[in-house]
């Protein structure tokens, strides 16, 4: 007996593949734009250092370490904008010997501590 074709429509995986392809493309575009932003942030920070707008991190850590000893866990350099005024700020997270976590915001131009938060 010859094989007969069914009247049911055939299912194809093409729509699923297209959806997966679109998802992968979107993810790669987002990943690339995120990388370019990170590179741009790094470039701006480097330019600020070269222009003398910020102190080198080593200098800041030395100054801050005198009054706020502890192990440096994390450092970020950000351009904070408040009230139309922009300034570079180092955000430092320190672990003190007593186990307290201290977060410092330091003016990157002067090395002055702007704010201090402590969690015991």
C-alpha atoms as a PDB file:
ATOM      1  CA  UNK A   1       0.000   0.000   0.000  1.00  0.00           C
ATOM      2  CA  UNK A   2       1.489   3.349  -0.964  1.00  0.00           C
ATOM      3  CA  UNK A   3       2.251   5.860   1.747  1.00  0.00           C
ATOM      4  CA  UNK A   4      -0.272   8.712   1.822  1.00  0.00           C
ATOM      5  CA  UNK A   5       0.421  12.229   2.905  1.00  0.00           C
ATOM      6  CA  UNK A   6      -1.589  13.519   5.804  1.00  0.00           C
ATOM      7  CA  UNK A   7      -3.937  16.457   5.481  1.00  0.00           C
ATOM      8  CA  UNK A   8      -2.442  17.919   8.666  1.00  0.00           C
ATOM      9  CA  UNK A   9      -0.179  20.904   8.143  1.00  0.00           C
ATOM     10  CA  UNK A  10       3.476  20.134   8.682  1.00  0.00           C
ATOM     11  CA  UNK A  11       5.179  21.764  11.602  1.00  0.00           C
ATOM     12  CA  UNK A  12       8.430  23.432  10.893  1.00  0.00           C
ATOM     13  CA  UNK A  13      11.057  24.712  13.255  1.00  0.00           C
ATOM     14  CA  UNK A  14      11.776  27.791  11.168  1.00  0.00           C
ATOM     15  CA  UNK A  15       9.786  30.212  13.392  1.00  0.00           C
ATOM     16  CA  UNK A  16      11.532  28.846  16.477  1.00  0.00           C
ATOM     17  CA  UNK A  17      14.925  29.189  14.813  1.00  0.00           C
ATOM     18  CA  UNK A  18      14.167  32.744  13.735  1.00  0.00           C
ATOM     19  CA  UNK A  19      13.133  33.637  17.287  1.00  0.00           C
ATOM     20  CA  UNK A  20      16.310  32.131  18.681  1.00  0.00           C
ATOM     21  CA  UNK A  21      18.376  33.918  16.039  1.00  0.00           C
ATOM     22  CA  UNK A  22      16.744  37.267  16.894  1.00  0.00           C
ATOM     23  CA  UNK A  23      17.339  36.683  20.597  1.00  0.00           C
ATOM     24  CA  UNK A  24      21.014  35.889  20.006  1.00  0.00           C
ATOM     25  CA  UNK A  25      21.421  38.964  17.803  1.00  0.00           C
ATOM     26  CA  UNK A  26      19.802  41.207  20.400  1.00  0.00           C
ATOM     27  CA  UNK A  27      21.995  39.763  23.149  1.00  0.00           C
ATOM     28  CA  UNK A  28      25.152  40.299  21.123  1.00  0.00           C
ATOM     29  CA  UNK A  29      24.188  43.887  20.303  1.00  0.00           C
ATOM     30  CA  UNK A  30      23.485  44.625  23.954  1.00  0.00           C
ATOM     31  CA  UNK A  31      26.742  43.014  24.960  1.00  0.00           C
ATOM     32  CA  UNK A  32      28.723  45.065  22.469  1.00  0.00           C
ATOM     33  CA  UNK A  33      27.054  48.320  23.497  1.00  0.00           C
ATOM     34  CA  UNK A  34      27.743  47.510  27.152  1.00  0.00           C
ATOM     35  CA  UNK A  35      31.401  46.878  26.345  1.00  0.00           C
ATOM     36  CA  UNK A  36      31.722  50.120  24.438  1.00  0.00           C
ATOM     37  CA  UNK A  37      30.215  52.006  27.369  1.00  0.00           C
ATOM     38  CA  UNK A  38      32.699  50.376  29.742  1.00  0.00           C
ATOM     39  CA  UNK A  39      35.583  51.224  27.409  1.00  0.00           C
ATOM     40  CA  UNK A  40      34.272  54.768  27.121  1.00  0.00           C
ATOM     41  CA  UNK A  41      34.087  55.101  30.928  1.00  0.00           C
ATOM     42  CA  UNK A  42      37.632  53.786  31.215  1.00  0.00           C
ATOM     43  CA  UNK A  43      38.847  56.224  28.570  1.00  0.00           C
ATOM     44  CA  UNK A  44      37.163  59.182  30.279  1.00  0.00           C
ATOM     45  CA  UNK A  45      38.699  58.232  33.629  1.00  0.00           C
ATOM     46  CA  UNK A  46      42.152  57.872  32.050  1.00  0.00           C
ATOM     47  CA  UNK A  47      41.776  61.251  30.329  1.00  0.00           C
ATOM     48  CA  UNK A  48      40.726  62.849  33.627  1.00  0.00           C
ATOM     49  CA  UNK A  49      43.872  61.462  35.277  1.00  0.00           C
ATOM     50  CA  UNK A  50      46.098  62.654  32.428  1.00  0.00           C
ATOM     51  CA  UNK A  51      44.459  66.109  32.549  1.00  0.00           C
ATOM     52  CA  UNK A  52      45.093  66.372  36.288  1.00  0.00           C
ATOM     53  CA  UNK A  53      41.386  66.358  37.118  1.00  0.00           C
ATOM     54  CA  UNK A  54      41.800  63.376  39.468  1.00  0.00           C
ATOM     55  CA  UNK A  55      44.552  62.169  41.747  1.00  0.00           C
ATOM     56  CA  UNK A  56      46.094  58.765  41.069  1.00  0.00           C
ATOM     57  CA  UNK A  57      44.419  55.985  43.025  1.00  0.00           C
ATOM     58  CA  UNK A  58      47.622  55.189  44.917  1.00  0.00           C
ATOM     59  CA  UNK A  59      47.806  58.746  46.209  1.00  0.00           C
ATOM     60  CA  UNK A  60      44.171  58.680  47.301  1.00  0.00           C
ATOM     61  CA  UNK A  61      44.547  55.321  49.055  1.00  0.00           C
ATOM     62  CA  UNK A  62      47.647  56.574  50.889  1.00  0.00           C
ATOM     63  CA  UNK A  63      45.876  59.720  52.111  1.00  0.00           C
ATOM     64  CA  UNK A  64      42.643  57.970  53.066  1.00  0.00           C
ATOM     65  CA  UNK A  65      44.492  55.075  54.708  1.00  0.00           C
ATOM     66  CA  UNK A  66      45.937  57.362  57.383  1.00  0.00           C
ATOM     67  CA  UNK A  67      42.519  58.097  58.887  1.00  0.00           C
ATOM     68  CA  UNK A  68      40.590  55.073  57.604  1.00  0.00           C
ATOM     69  CA  UNK A  69      42.736  51.948  57.813  1.00  0.00           C
ATOM     70  CA  UNK A  70      41.423  48.713  56.347  1.00  0.00           C
ATOM     71  CA  UNK A  71      41.606  46.277  53.471  1.00  0.00           C
ATOM     72  CA  UNK A  72      40.365  47.770  50.194  1.00  0.00           C
ATOM     73  CA  UNK A  73      37.640  45.531  48.782  1.00  0.00           C
ATOM     74  CA  UNK A  74      36.367  47.637  45.909  1.00  0.00           C
ATOM     75  CA  UNK A  75      37.159  50.909  44.151  1.00  0.00           C
ATOM     76  CA  UNK A  76      35.086  52.813  41.606  1.00  0.00           C
ATOM     77  CA  UNK A  77      35.765  56.131  39.931  1.00  0.00           C
ATOM     78  CA  UNK A  78      32.591  57.887  38.883  1.00  0.00           C
ATOM     79  CA  UNK A  79      31.641  61.260  37.512  1.00  0.00           C
ATOM     80  CA  UNK A  80      28.886  62.425  39.854  1.00  0.00           C
ATOM     81  CA  UNK A  81      26.567  65.167  38.690  1.00  0.00           C
ATOM     82  CA  UNK A  82      24.594  67.050  41.325  1.00  0.00           C
ATOM     83  CA  UNK A  83      22.810  70.331  40.729  1.00  0.00           C
ATOM     84  CA  UNK A  84      24.519  70.903  37.395  1.00  0.00           C
ATOM     85  CA  UNK A  85      27.964  70.468  38.935  1.00  0.00           C
ATOM     86  CA  UNK A  86      30.046  67.461  37.942  1.00  0.00           C
ATOM     87  CA  UNK A  87      32.934  66.081  39.966  1.00  0.00           C
ATOM     88  CA  UNK A  88      34.954  62.902  39.967  1.00  0.00           C
ATOM     89  CA  UNK A  89      34.460  60.725  43.032  1.00  0.00           C
ATOM     90  CA  UNK A  90      36.328  57.627  44.165  1.00  0.00           C
ATOM     91  CA  UNK A  91      34.005  55.189  45.936  1.00  0.00           C
ATOM     92  CA  UNK A  92      35.977  52.922  48.254  1.00  0.00           C
ATOM     93  CA  UNK A  93      34.790  49.895  50.219  1.00  0.00           C
ATOM     94  CA  UNK A  94      37.044  48.961  53.106  1.00  0.00           C
ATOM     95  CA  UNK A  95      36.998  46.042  55.507  1.00  0.00           C
ATOM     96  CA  UNK A  96      38.319  47.068  58.908  1.00  0.00           C
ATOM     97  CA  UNK A  97      40.115  44.722  61.304  1.00  0.00           C
ATOM     98  CA  UNK A  98      37.078  44.762  63.604  1.00  0.00           C
ATOM     99  CA  UNK A  99      34.970  43.325  60.752  1.00  0.00           C
ATOM    100  CA  UNK A 100      33.123  46.545  59.958  1.00  0.00           C
ATOM    101  CA  UNK A 101      32.514  47.434  56.327  1.00  0.00           C
ATOM    102  CA  UNK A 102      33.143  51.097  55.536  1.00  0.00           C
ATOM    103  CA  UNK A 103      32.083  52.859  52.350  1.00  0.00           C
ATOM    104  CA  UNK A 104      33.863  56.118  51.603  1.00  0.00           C
ATOM    105  CA  UNK A 105      33.220  58.673  48.921  1.00  0.00           C
ATOM    106  CA  UNK A 106      36.344  60.680  48.189  1.00  0.00           C
ATOM    107  CA  UNK A 107      36.690  63.804  46.053  1.00  0.00           C
ATOM    108  CA  UNK A 108      39.015  62.532  43.330  1.00  0.00           C
ATOM    109  CA  UNK A 109      40.562  65.951  42.726  1.00  0.00           C
ATOM    110  CA  UNK A 110      41.558  66.676  46.330  1.00  0.00           C
ATOM    111  CA  UNK A 111      41.523  63.305  48.117  1.00  0.00           C
ATOM    112  CA  UNK A 112      39.093  64.674  50.709  1.00  0.00           C
ATOM    113  CA  UNK A 113      36.556  62.271  52.197  1.00  0.00           C
ATOM    114  CA  UNK A 114      33.077  63.518  51.262  1.00  0.00           C
ATOM    115  CA  UNK A 115      31.013  60.881  53.030  1.00  0.00           C
ATOM    116  CA  UNK A 116      31.523  57.849  55.231  1.00  0.00           C
ATOM    117  CA  UNK A 117      29.081  55.020  55.941  1.00  0.00           C
ATOM    118  CA  UNK A 118      29.846  52.175  58.306  1.00  0.00           C
ATOM    119  CA  UNK A 119      28.124  48.809  58.619  1.00  0.00           C
ATOM    120  CA  UNK A 120      28.960  46.670  61.613  1.00  0.00           C
END
